[in-house]
Amino acid sequence: MNSHGFFAIAFSAQVVPRALRVALVVGTLLALINHGDSILSMSMGGEDMVKVALTYLVPYGVSTWSAVGAIKASSAANG
């Protein structure tokens, strides 16, 4: 898989489900920590919704970046 580019690996069936799970768990925790009062009082505005969406995108991106790096490193090590 090392011969594949970043995006080919990032959108592979090996990476996407794992990154989605990480984003769901970590994003939810971060959203509750950072925006829990607004979520519970149901007083979120448009700007808050964008911030919550970004709260999920960041762990997805970090997980994907890490997985692609690990896959590339493993492929390089195995020849």
N, C-alpha and C. Protein backbone atom coordinates (compact mmCIF):
# COMPACT_ATOMS: atom_id res chain seq x y z
N MET A 1 0.82 -1.20 0.00
CA MET A 1 0.00 0.00 0.00
C MET A 1 0.86 1.26 0.00
N ASN A 2 2.16 1.11 0.20
CA ASN A 2 3.06 2.25 0.22
C ASN A 2 3.10 2.97 -1.11
N SER A 3 2.84 2.26 -2.19
CA SER A 3 2.87 2.89 -3.51
C SER A 3 1.66 3.80 -3.73
N HIS A 4 0.66 3.68 -2.88
CA HIS A 4 -0.52 4.54 -2.99
C HIS A 4 -0.25 5.87 -2.33
N GLY A 5 -0.92 6.90 -2.82
CA GLY A 5 -0.77 8.22 -2.24
C GLY A 5 -1.56 8.38 -0.96
N PHE A 6 -1.37 9.52 -0.33
CA PHE A 6 -2.02 9.82 0.93
C PHE A 6 -3.53 9.65 0.84
N PHE A 7 -4.16 10.26 -0.17
CA PHE A 7 -5.62 10.24 -0.25
C PHE A 7 -6.18 8.86 -0.56
N ALA A 8 -5.44 8.07 -1.33
CA ALA A 8 -5.89 6.70 -1.61
C ALA A 8 -5.96 5.89 -0.32
N ILE A 9 -4.97 6.07 0.54
CA ILE A 9 -4.96 5.35 1.82
C ILE A 9 -5.99 5.96 2.76
N ALA A 10 -6.05 7.30 2.80
CA ALA A 10 -6.95 7.99 3.73
C ALA A 10 -8.42 7.64 3.50
N PHE A 11 -8.78 7.37 2.25
CA PHE A 11 -10.17 7.04 1.94
C PHE A 11 -10.40 5.54 1.78
N SER A 12 -9.43 4.76 2.23
CA SER A 12 -9.55 3.30 2.10
C SER A 12 -10.48 2.73 3.18
N ALA A 13 -10.96 1.53 2.92
CA ALA A 13 -11.86 0.85 3.86
C ALA A 13 -11.14 0.49 5.15
N GLN A 14 -9.82 0.52 5.14
CA GLN A 14 -9.04 0.23 6.33
C GLN A 14 -9.00 1.44 7.27
N VAL A 15 -9.04 2.65 6.73
CA VAL A 15 -8.84 3.86 7.53
C VAL A 15 -10.15 4.55 7.89
N VAL A 16 -11.06 4.70 6.96
CA VAL A 16 -12.26 5.51 7.18
C VAL A 16 -13.10 5.04 8.37
N PRO A 17 -13.45 3.76 8.50
CA PRO A 17 -14.29 3.35 9.64
C PRO A 17 -13.62 3.63 10.99
N ARG A 18 -12.33 3.40 11.06
CA ARG A 18 -11.61 3.64 12.32
C ARG A 18 -11.59 5.13 12.65
N ALA A 19 -11.32 5.96 11.66
CA ALA A 19 -11.30 7.41 11.88
C ALA A 19 -12.68 7.93 12.27
N LEU A 20 -13.72 7.37 11.69
CA LEU A 20 -15.08 7.76 12.06
C LEU A 20 -15.39 7.42 13.51
N ARG A 21 -14.97 6.23 13.94
CA ARG A 21 -15.19 5.84 15.34
C ARG A 21 -14.45 6.77 16.29
N VAL A 22 -13.20 7.06 15.96
CA VAL A 22 -12.42 7.97 16.80
C VAL A 22 -13.08 9.34 16.85
N ALA A 23 -13.50 9.85 15.70
CA ALA A 23 -14.15 11.17 15.65
C ALA A 23 -15.44 11.18 16.45
N LEU A 24 -16.19 10.11 16.39
CA LEU A 24 -17.46 10.04 17.13
C LEU A 24 -17.21 10.08 18.63
N VAL A 25 -16.28 9.29 19.11
CA VAL A 25 -16.02 9.23 20.55
C VAL A 25 -15.34 10.51 21.03
N VAL A 26 -14.20 10.85 20.42
CA VAL A 26 -13.43 12.01 20.87
C VAL A 26 -14.19 13.30 20.59
N GLY A 27 -14.82 13.41 19.43
CA GLY A 27 -15.58 14.60 19.09
C GLY A 27 -16.73 14.84 20.06
N THR A 28 -17.42 13.78 20.44
CA THR A 28 -18.52 13.90 21.39
C THR A 28 -18.02 14.38 22.74
N LEU A 29 -16.93 13.78 23.21
CA LEU A 29 -16.36 14.22 24.49
C LEU A 29 -15.95 15.68 24.44
N LEU A 30 -15.27 16.07 23.38
CA LEU A 30 -14.83 17.46 23.25
C LEU A 30 -16.01 18.42 23.11
N ALA A 31 -17.02 18.02 22.36
CA ALA A 31 -18.21 18.87 22.19
C ALA A 31 -18.90 19.07 23.53
N LEU A 32 -19.00 18.02 24.32
CA LEU A 32 -19.63 18.15 25.64
C LEU A 32 -18.80 19.01 26.58
N ILE A 33 -17.49 18.85 26.53
CA ILE A 33 -16.62 19.66 27.37
C ILE A 33 -16.70 21.14 26.97
N ASN A 34 -16.61 21.40 25.68
CA ASN A 34 -16.52 22.77 25.21
C ASN A 34 -17.87 23.47 25.01
N HIS A 35 -18.92 22.71 24.71
CA HIS A 35 -20.20 23.32 24.37
C HIS A 35 -21.37 22.69 25.12
N GLY A 36 -21.07 21.93 26.17
CA GLY A 36 -22.12 21.20 26.87
C GLY A 36 -23.23 22.09 27.39
N ASP A 37 -22.89 23.26 27.93
CA ASP A 37 -23.92 24.15 28.46
C ASP A 37 -24.87 24.62 27.37
N SER A 38 -24.33 24.96 26.20
CA SER A 38 -25.17 25.39 25.08
C SER A 38 -26.00 24.24 24.52
N ILE A 39 -25.41 23.05 24.50
CA ILE A 39 -26.12 21.88 23.97
C ILE A 39 -27.29 21.54 24.90
N LEU A 40 -27.02 21.49 26.19
CA LEU A 40 -28.07 21.13 27.15
C LEU A 40 -29.18 22.17 27.24
N SER A 41 -28.83 23.44 27.09
CA SER A 41 -29.86 24.48 27.15
C SER A 41 -30.51 24.71 25.79
N MET A 42 -30.03 23.97 24.78
CA MET A 42 -30.55 24.06 23.41
C MET A 42 -30.54 25.51 22.92
N SER A 43 -29.44 26.20 23.21
CA SER A 43 -29.32 27.60 22.82
C SER A 43 -28.16 27.81 21.85
N MET A 44 -27.91 26.83 21.01
CA MET A 44 -26.80 26.92 20.08
C MET A 44 -27.18 27.73 18.85
N GLY A 45 -26.32 28.67 18.50
CA GLY A 45 -26.50 29.43 17.28
C GLY A 45 -25.73 28.82 16.14
N GLY A 46 -25.76 29.46 15.01
CA GLY A 46 -25.07 28.96 13.83
C GLY A 46 -23.57 28.85 14.03
N GLU A 47 -22.99 29.84 14.69
CA GLU A 47 -21.55 29.83 14.94
C GLU A 47 -21.17 28.65 15.84
N ASP A 48 -22.00 28.38 16.84
CA ASP A 48 -21.74 27.24 17.73
C ASP A 48 -21.82 25.93 16.97
N MET A 49 -22.75 25.83 16.04
CA MET A 49 -22.89 24.60 15.25
C MET A 49 -21.64 24.35 14.40
N VAL A 50 -21.09 25.41 13.84
CA VAL A 50 -19.85 25.29 13.06
C VAL A 50 -18.72 24.82 13.96
N LYS A 51 -18.63 25.38 15.16
CA LYS A 51 -17.59 24.98 16.10
C LYS A 51 -17.73 23.51 16.49
N VAL A 52 -18.95 23.05 16.70
CA VAL A 52 -19.16 21.64 17.05
C VAL A 52 -18.77 20.75 15.86
N ALA A 53 -19.12 21.15 14.66
CA ALA A 53 -18.73 20.36 13.48
C ALA A 53 -17.21 20.26 13.38
N LEU A 54 -16.52 21.35 13.63
CA LEU A 54 -15.06 21.33 13.61
C LEU A 54 -14.51 20.47 14.73
N THR A 55 -15.23 20.41 15.84
CA THR A 55 -14.83 19.58 16.97
C THR A 55 -14.79 18.10 16.56
N TYR A 56 -15.64 17.70 15.64
CA TYR A 56 -15.62 16.33 15.13
C TYR A 56 -14.61 16.15 14.01
N LEU A 57 -14.40 17.18 13.21
CA LEU A 57 -13.47 17.06 12.09
C LEU A 57 -12.01 16.94 12.53
N VAL A 58 -11.66 17.62 13.61
CA VAL A 58 -10.27 17.58 14.06
C VAL A 58 -9.83 16.17 14.45
N PRO A 59 -10.55 15.46 15.33
CA PRO A 59 -10.09 14.10 15.64
C PRO A 59 -10.15 13.16 14.43
N TYR A 60 -11.09 13.38 13.50
CA TYR A 60 -11.12 12.58 12.28
C TYR A 60 -9.84 12.79 11.49
N GLY A 61 -9.45 14.05 11.35
CA GLY A 61 -8.24 14.35 10.60
C GLY A 61 -6.99 13.82 11.26
N VAL A 62 -6.90 13.95 12.57
CA VAL A 62 -5.72 13.46 13.29
C VAL A 62 -5.63 11.94 13.20
N SER A 63 -6.76 11.27 13.37
CA SER A 63 -6.77 9.82 13.28
C SER A 63 -6.38 9.36 11.87
N THR A 64 -6.91 10.01 10.87
CA THR A 64 -6.60 9.66 9.48
C THR A 64 -5.12 9.88 9.20
N TRP A 65 -4.60 11.03 9.59
CA TRP A 65 -3.18 11.35 9.37
C TRP A 65 -2.29 10.29 10.02
N SER A 66 -2.62 9.94 11.24
CA SER A 66 -1.83 8.96 11.98
C SER A 66 -1.91 7.58 11.32
N ALA A 67 -3.10 7.17 10.92
CA ALA A 67 -3.27 5.86 10.30
C ALA A 67 -2.52 5.78 8.98
N VAL A 68 -2.61 6.81 8.17
CA VAL A 68 -1.90 6.80 6.89
C VAL A 68 -0.40 6.73 7.13
N GLY A 69 0.10 7.49 8.09
CA GLY A 69 1.52 7.44 8.41
C GLY A 69 1.95 6.06 8.87
N ALA A 70 1.14 5.43 9.71
CA ALA A 70 1.46 4.09 10.21
C ALA A 70 1.44 3.06 9.08
N ILE A 71 0.48 3.16 8.20
CA ILE A 71 0.39 2.21 7.08
C ILE A 71 1.58 2.39 6.15
N LYS A 72 1.93 3.64 5.85
CA LYS A 72 3.08 3.88 4.99
C LYS A 72 4.38 3.40 5.63
N ALA A 73 4.54 3.66 6.93
CA ALA A 73 5.74 3.22 7.64
C ALA A 73 5.83 1.69 7.66
N SER A 74 4.70 1.04 7.90
CA SER A 74 4.67 -0.42 7.92
C SER A 74 4.99 -1.00 6.56
N SER A 75 4.44 -0.40 5.53
CA SER A 75 4.72 -0.87 4.16
C SER A 75 6.18 -0.69 3.80
N ALA A 76 6.76 0.43 4.22
CA ALA A 76 8.17 0.70 3.92
C ALA A 76 9.06 -0.28 4.67
N ALA A 77 8.70 -0.60 5.91
CA ALA A 77 9.51 -1.51 6.72
C ALA A 77 9.44 -2.94 6.19
N ASN A 78 8.29 -3.29 5.61
CA ASN A 78 8.11 -4.66 5.11
C ASN A 78 8.59 -4.83 3.68
N GLY A 79 9.07 -3.74 3.12
CA GLY A 79 9.70 -3.83 1.84
C GLY A 79 8.85 -3.65 0.67
